[in-house]
Every structure is written in structure tokens, then in C-alpha cells.
Amino acid sequence: MIDINNLEPFGIWSIKEIGIIGRPINGPTKVILQEDILLIRKFRNNDVWHWPILIACEEWSSLKDVADLLHAMVIKMSELEKPVHLKDQMETIHLTTVSAMVDIIDSKTSKDAA
């Protein structure tokens, strides 16, 4: 098991016993409780991890912020017991989440450039 007390932060995200805490410079502190790490949602008819998509939509977030969150989530997920219905889908959900994150950030960047 990973000793979460000795992990360096992932950008603005820190892994804690209770879950993951984000401290963005230009936004409010975000607390993702351990029991909410495995939340999924639909994005363009695909299952994705809820939190990276939610954070990607925040005005203050960057691709690095969201990628760092996903990295922290993967480490935290390694400590969690996965529900049976998710065990075979984890990799697919992860890949569709990455694709969705990039699409959202690219869309925000395109709007900023226009």
C-alpha cells in the first residue's frame, strides 16, 4: 500500500486520507472525498470519471491541472475497493476521460483565442 502521508503534491492536488484536495491559485479549494473518487458520469454518451470533467469545465483550470488530478485519482483509486461493475471498465473509462478532458480544455483555449 502507498504511504499517502509521504507523497509529493501533484501540481495543485494533494492526496490525503479523506480524499484529494486541490488548491488552485485562481479558484476555490476543491475537496474530493474518498467515497466520491469513483463517481462516473456521461460525456458525449461515454462513461467518464466525474471529477476531471467537472474540473476541466472550470474557468481557472488548465490541462496540467486536470492531468495532475487524474494522476492523483489513479493513485488514490489503487487503495480503493472497486465495485464489481467498474472493474472491467476502469481502463476504458480512464481513456475516454482523458479524451474528454483534452476536448474540453481545447474548446476553452479556442474560445480564449477568438
C-alpha atoms as a PDB file:
ATOM      1  CA  MET A   1       0.000   0.000   0.000  1.00  0.00           C
ATOM      2  CA  ILE A   2       1.128   3.544  -0.753  1.00  0.00           C
ATOM      3  CA  ASP A   3       2.044   5.789   2.168  1.00  0.00           C
ATOM      4  CA  ILE A   4      -0.060   8.808   1.238  1.00  0.00           C
ATOM      5  CA  ASN A   5       1.492  10.895   4.005  1.00  0.00           C
ATOM      6  CA  ASN A   6       4.815  10.958   2.130  1.00  0.00           C
ATOM      7  CA  LEU A   7       3.606  11.751  -1.384  1.00  0.00           C
ATOM      8  CA  GLU A   8       4.559  14.995  -3.046  1.00  0.00           C
ATOM      9  CA  PRO A   9       1.619  17.056  -4.349  1.00  0.00           C
ATOM     10  CA  PHE A  10       0.539  16.608  -7.964  1.00  0.00           C
ATOM     11  CA  GLY A  11       0.517  20.231  -9.047  1.00  0.00           C
ATOM     12  CA  ILE A  12      -2.331  21.834  -7.096  1.00  0.00           C
ATOM     13  CA  TRP A  13      -3.619  18.417  -5.873  1.00  0.00           C
ATOM     14  CA  SER A  14      -2.656  16.600  -2.681  1.00  0.00           C
ATOM     15  CA  ILE A  15      -3.668  13.080  -1.750  1.00  0.00           C
ATOM     16  CA  LYS A  16      -4.938  12.869   1.808  1.00  0.00           C
ATOM     17  CA  GLU A  17      -6.578  10.190   3.922  1.00  0.00           C
ATOM     18  CA  ILE A  18     -10.013  11.746   3.287  1.00  0.00           C
ATOM     19  CA  GLY A  19      -9.527  12.002  -0.492  1.00  0.00           C
ATOM     20  CA  ILE A  20      -7.913  14.572  -2.785  1.00  0.00           C
ATOM     21  CA  ILE A  21      -7.625  18.300  -2.070  1.00  0.00           C
ATOM     22  CA  GLY A  22      -6.987  20.915  -4.745  1.00  0.00           C
ATOM     23  CA  ARG A  23      -5.781  24.412  -4.058  1.00  0.00           C
ATOM     24  CA  PRO A  24      -5.937  26.361  -7.310  1.00  0.00           C
ATOM     25  CA  ILE A  25      -4.409  29.825  -7.367  1.00  0.00           C
ATOM     26  CA  ASN A  26      -7.372  31.396  -9.186  1.00  0.00           C
ATOM     27  CA  GLY A  27     -10.225  29.337  -7.788  1.00  0.00           C
ATOM     28  CA  PRO A  28     -11.745  27.920  -4.623  1.00  0.00           C
ATOM     29  CA  THR A  29     -10.291  24.962  -2.738  1.00  0.00           C
ATOM     30  CA  LYS A  30     -11.708  21.681  -4.036  1.00  0.00           C
ATOM     31  CA  VAL A  31     -12.202  18.650  -1.792  1.00  0.00           C
ATOM     32  CA  ILE A  32     -12.939  15.314  -3.449  1.00  0.00           C
ATOM     33  CA  LEU A  33     -13.897  12.868  -0.740  1.00  0.00           C
ATOM     34  CA  GLN A  34     -12.574   9.332  -0.981  1.00  0.00           C
ATOM     35  CA  GLU A  35     -16.075   7.903  -1.397  1.00  0.00           C
ATOM     36  CA  ASP A  36     -16.600  10.177  -4.438  1.00  0.00           C
ATOM     37  CA  ILE A  37     -13.369   9.323  -6.311  1.00  0.00           C
ATOM     38  CA  LEU A  38     -15.039   6.586  -8.405  1.00  0.00           C
ATOM     39  CA  LEU A  39     -18.042   8.679  -9.490  1.00  0.00           C
ATOM     40  CA  ILE A  40     -18.757   8.388 -13.189  1.00  0.00           C
ATOM     41  CA  ARG A  41     -20.906  10.482 -15.483  1.00  0.00           C
ATOM     42  CA  LYS A  42     -21.848  10.566 -19.155  1.00  0.00           C
ATOM     43  CA  PHE A  43     -19.959  12.802 -21.564  1.00  0.00           C
ATOM     44  CA  ARG A  44     -20.976  12.508 -25.221  1.00  0.00           C
ATOM     45  CA  ASN A  45     -22.626   9.170 -24.456  1.00  0.00           C
ATOM     46  CA  ASN A  46     -19.478   7.722 -22.852  1.00  0.00           C
ATOM     47  CA  ASP A  47     -18.753   6.922 -19.218  1.00  0.00           C
ATOM     48  CA  VAL A  48     -16.041   9.191 -17.795  1.00  0.00           C
ATOM     49  CA  TRP A  49     -14.693   9.983 -14.336  1.00  0.00           C
ATOM     50  CA  HIS A  50     -16.848  12.774 -12.927  1.00  0.00           C
ATOM     51  CA  TRP A  51     -14.222  14.956 -11.256  1.00  0.00           C
ATOM     52  CA  PRO A  52     -11.698  15.546 -14.077  1.00  0.00           C
ATOM     53  CA  ILE A  53     -14.564  16.547 -16.387  1.00  0.00           C
ATOM     54  CA  LEU A  54     -16.070  18.871 -13.785  1.00  0.00           C
ATOM     55  CA  ILE A  55     -12.678  20.476 -13.127  1.00  0.00           C
ATOM     56  CA  ALA A  56     -11.858  20.731 -16.859  1.00  0.00           C
ATOM     57  CA  CYS A  57     -15.000  22.864 -17.249  1.00  0.00           C
ATOM     58  CA  GLU A  58     -13.862  25.312 -14.552  1.00  0.00           C
ATOM     59  CA  GLU A  59     -12.691  28.643 -15.952  1.00  0.00           C
ATOM     60  CA  TRP A  60      -9.448  28.541 -13.933  1.00  0.00           C
ATOM     61  CA  SER A  61      -8.355  25.022 -14.895  1.00  0.00           C
ATOM     62  CA  SER A  62      -5.632  24.040 -17.343  1.00  0.00           C
ATOM     63  CA  LEU A  63      -4.808  20.723 -18.985  1.00  0.00           C
ATOM     64  CA  LYS A  64      -1.984  20.309 -16.446  1.00  0.00           C
ATOM     65  CA  ASP A  65      -4.400  20.839 -13.526  1.00  0.00           C
ATOM     66  CA  VAL A  66      -6.769  18.193 -14.859  1.00  0.00           C
ATOM     67  CA  ALA A  67      -3.991  15.747 -15.807  1.00  0.00           C
ATOM     68  CA  ASP A  68      -2.480  16.144 -12.324  1.00  0.00           C
ATOM     69  CA  LEU A  69      -5.897  15.441 -10.788  1.00  0.00           C
ATOM     70  CA  LEU A  70      -6.293  12.301 -12.883  1.00  0.00           C
ATOM     71  CA  HIS A  71      -2.823  11.150 -11.797  1.00  0.00           C
ATOM     72  CA  ALA A  72      -3.718  11.689  -8.135  1.00  0.00           C
ATOM     73  CA  MET A  73      -7.019   9.875  -8.685  1.00  0.00           C
ATOM     74  CA  VAL A  74      -5.298   6.832 -10.177  1.00  0.00           C
ATOM     75  CA  ILE A  75      -3.054   6.588  -7.118  1.00  0.00           C
ATOM     76  CA  LYS A  76      -5.985   7.052  -4.732  1.00  0.00           C
ATOM     77  CA  MET A  77      -8.041   4.511  -6.729  1.00  0.00           C
ATOM     78  CA  SER A  78      -5.324   1.922  -6.156  1.00  0.00           C
ATOM     79  CA  GLU A  79      -6.250   1.999  -2.456  1.00  0.00           C
ATOM     80  CA  LEU A  80      -9.991   1.663  -3.013  1.00  0.00           C
ATOM     81  CA  GLU A  81     -12.084  -1.431  -3.447  1.00  0.00           C
ATOM     82  CA  LYS A  82     -13.719  -1.134  -6.840  1.00  0.00           C
ATOM     83  CA  PRO A  83     -17.357  -2.068  -7.346  1.00  0.00           C
ATOM     84  CA  VAL A  84     -17.745  -5.206  -9.454  1.00  0.00           C
ATOM     85  CA  HIS A  85     -19.481  -3.297 -12.265  1.00  0.00           C
ATOM     86  CA  LEU A  86     -16.449  -0.982 -12.653  1.00  0.00           C
ATOM     87  CA  LYS A  87     -13.587  -3.477 -12.513  1.00  0.00           C
ATOM     88  CA  ASP A  88     -13.709  -4.389 -16.203  1.00  0.00           C
ATOM     89  CA  GLN A  89     -14.399  -0.827 -17.317  1.00  0.00           C
ATOM     90  CA  MET A  90     -11.654   1.092 -15.484  1.00  0.00           C
ATOM     91  CA  GLU A  91      -9.248   1.349 -18.434  1.00  0.00           C
ATOM     92  CA  THR A  92     -11.961   2.344 -20.909  1.00  0.00           C
ATOM     93  CA  ILE A  93     -13.340   4.975 -18.532  1.00  0.00           C
ATOM     94  CA  HIS A  94      -9.836   6.302 -17.979  1.00  0.00           C
ATOM     95  CA  LEU A  95      -9.125   6.621 -21.719  1.00  0.00           C
ATOM     96  CA  THR A  96     -12.452   8.270 -22.529  1.00  0.00           C
ATOM     97  CA  THR A  97     -11.906  10.669 -19.614  1.00  0.00           C
ATOM     98  CA  VAL A  98      -8.509  11.726 -20.987  1.00  0.00           C
ATOM     99  CA  SER A  99     -10.008  12.317 -24.431  1.00  0.00           C
ATOM    100  CA  ALA A 100     -12.898  14.336 -22.976  1.00  0.00           C
ATOM    101  CA  MET A 101     -10.543  16.399 -20.786  1.00  0.00           C
ATOM    102  CA  VAL A 102      -8.450  17.366 -23.806  1.00  0.00           C
ATOM    103  CA  ASP A 103     -11.565  18.251 -25.839  1.00  0.00           C
ATOM    104  CA  ILE A 104     -12.915  20.488 -23.053  1.00  0.00           C
ATOM    105  CA  ILE A 105      -9.607  22.291 -22.484  1.00  0.00           C
ATOM    106  CA  ASP A 106      -9.048  22.715 -26.242  1.00  0.00           C
ATOM    107  CA  SER A 107     -12.541  24.168 -26.549  1.00  0.00           C
ATOM    108  CA  LYS A 108     -11.849  26.645 -23.728  1.00  0.00           C
ATOM    109  CA  THR A 109      -8.500  27.582 -25.283  1.00  0.00           C
ATOM    110  CA  SER A 110     -10.105  28.128 -28.711  1.00  0.00           C
ATOM    111  CA  LYS A 111     -12.722  30.437 -27.172  1.00  0.00           C
ATOM    112  CA  ASP A 112      -9.997  32.411 -25.358  1.00  0.00           C
ATOM    113  CA  ALA A 113      -8.018  32.834 -28.578  1.00  0.00           C
ATOM    114  CA  ALA A 114     -11.045  34.085 -30.548  1.00  0.00           C
END
